[in-house]
C-alpha atoms as a PDB file:
ATOM      1  CA  MET A   1     -31.591  24.108   9.215  1.00  0.00           C
ATOM      2  CA  TYR A   2     -34.992  24.342  10.830  1.00  0.00           C
ATOM      3  CA  ALA A   3     -35.191  28.075   9.786  1.00  0.00           C
ATOM      4  CA  SER A   4     -34.468  27.135   6.136  1.00  0.00           C
ATOM      5  CA  GLU A   5     -36.891  24.296   6.259  1.00  0.00           C
ATOM      6  CA  ASN A   6     -39.632  26.553   7.607  1.00  0.00           C
ATOM      7  CA  GLY A   7     -39.104  29.469   5.170  1.00  0.00           C
ATOM      8  CA  HIS A   8     -37.506  31.949   7.629  1.00  0.00           C
ATOM      9  CA  ALA A   9     -35.131  33.520   5.097  1.00  0.00           C
ATOM     10  CA  ASP A  10     -34.269  36.431   7.536  1.00  0.00           C
ATOM     11  CA  VAL A  11     -33.208  33.930  10.256  1.00  0.00           C
ATOM     12  CA  VAL A  12     -31.201  32.030   7.831  1.00  0.00           C
ATOM     13  CA  ASN A  13     -29.372  35.128   6.529  1.00  0.00           C
ATOM     14  CA  LYS A  14     -28.686  36.349  10.030  1.00  0.00           C
ATOM     15  CA  LEU A  15     -27.407  32.843  11.153  1.00  0.00           C
ATOM     16  CA  LEU A  16     -25.146  32.556   8.044  1.00  0.00           C
ATOM     17  CA  ALA A  17     -23.898  36.226   8.618  1.00  0.00           C
ATOM     18  CA  LYS A  18     -23.002  35.234  12.129  1.00  0.00           C
ATOM     19  CA  GLY A  19     -20.959  32.201  10.849  1.00  0.00           C
ATOM     20  CA  ALA A  20     -23.476  29.293  11.609  1.00  0.00           C
ATOM     21  CA  ASN A  21     -22.014  25.963  10.997  1.00  0.00           C
ATOM     22  CA  VAL A  22     -23.667  24.540   7.972  1.00  0.00           C
ATOM     23  CA  ASN A  23     -22.195  21.040   8.514  1.00  0.00           C
ATOM     24  CA  LEU A  24     -23.925  20.177  11.798  1.00  0.00           C
ATOM     25  CA  GLN A  25     -26.327  17.217  11.393  1.00  0.00           C
ATOM     26  CA  ASP A  26     -29.746  16.591  12.794  1.00  0.00           C
ATOM     27  CA  LYS A  27     -30.940  13.314  14.238  1.00  0.00           C
ATOM     28  CA  GLY A  28     -31.866  12.142  10.751  1.00  0.00           C
ATOM     29  CA  TRP A  29     -28.270  12.663   9.652  1.00  0.00           C
ATOM     30  CA  GLN A  30     -29.337  15.662   7.449  1.00  0.00           C
ATOM     31  CA  ASN A  31     -27.182  18.655   7.397  1.00  0.00           C
ATOM     32  CA  SER A  32     -27.600  22.038   5.769  1.00  0.00           C
ATOM     33  CA  THR A  33     -25.099  21.209   3.070  1.00  0.00           C
ATOM     34  CA  ASN A  34     -27.666  18.681   1.904  1.00  0.00           C
ATOM     35  CA  ASN A  35     -30.168  21.534   1.872  1.00  0.00           C
ATOM     36  CA  SER A  36     -27.891  24.166   0.264  1.00  0.00           C
ATOM     37  CA  ILE A  37     -30.161  24.622  -2.544  1.00  0.00           C
ATOM     38  CA  THR A  38     -33.038  25.233  -0.222  1.00  0.00           C
ATOM     39  CA  ILE A  39     -31.202  27.779   1.790  1.00  0.00           C
ATOM     40  CA  ALA A  40     -30.197  29.717  -1.482  1.00  0.00           C
ATOM     41  CA  ALA A  41     -33.674  29.589  -2.685  1.00  0.00           C
ATOM     42  CA  TYR A  42     -34.986  31.088   0.495  1.00  0.00           C
ATOM     43  CA  ARG A  43     -32.296  33.768   0.369  1.00  0.00           C
ATOM     44  CA  VAL A  44     -33.602  34.692  -3.180  1.00  0.00           C
ATOM     45  CA  ILE A  45     -37.105  34.537  -2.175  1.00  0.00           C
ATOM     46  CA  GLY A  46     -36.424  36.535   0.943  1.00  0.00           C
ATOM     47  CA  SER A  47     -34.602  39.325  -1.027  1.00  0.00           C
ATOM     48  CA  PHE A  48     -37.377  39.198  -3.525  1.00  0.00           C
ATOM     49  CA  LEU A  49     -40.154  39.742  -0.863  1.00  0.00           C
ATOM     50  CA  ILE A  50     -38.007  42.617   0.713  1.00  0.00           C
ATOM     51  CA  THR A  51     -37.834  44.272  -2.652  1.00  0.00           C
ATOM     52  CA  VAL A  52     -41.517  43.916  -3.338  1.00  0.00           C
ATOM     53  CA  GLN A  53     -42.397  45.277   0.135  1.00  0.00           C
ATOM     54  CA  MET A  54     -40.239  48.267  -0.607  1.00  0.00           C
ATOM     55  CA  LEU A  55     -42.032  49.038  -3.884  1.00  0.00           C
ATOM     56  CA  ILE A  56     -45.522  48.823  -2.220  1.00  0.00           C
END
């Protein structure tokens, strides 16, 4: 969850690929299911940035 909150799309993608439990909660009772839109957005942004880097 910290990776997604801090914009580390590459880390989020690796964690998800390795089967990270998206239902774990932090001390504030937040879980990554609550942040699923954020995670998806970082995946899209990360893919976009990789594509842009490849074009440069």
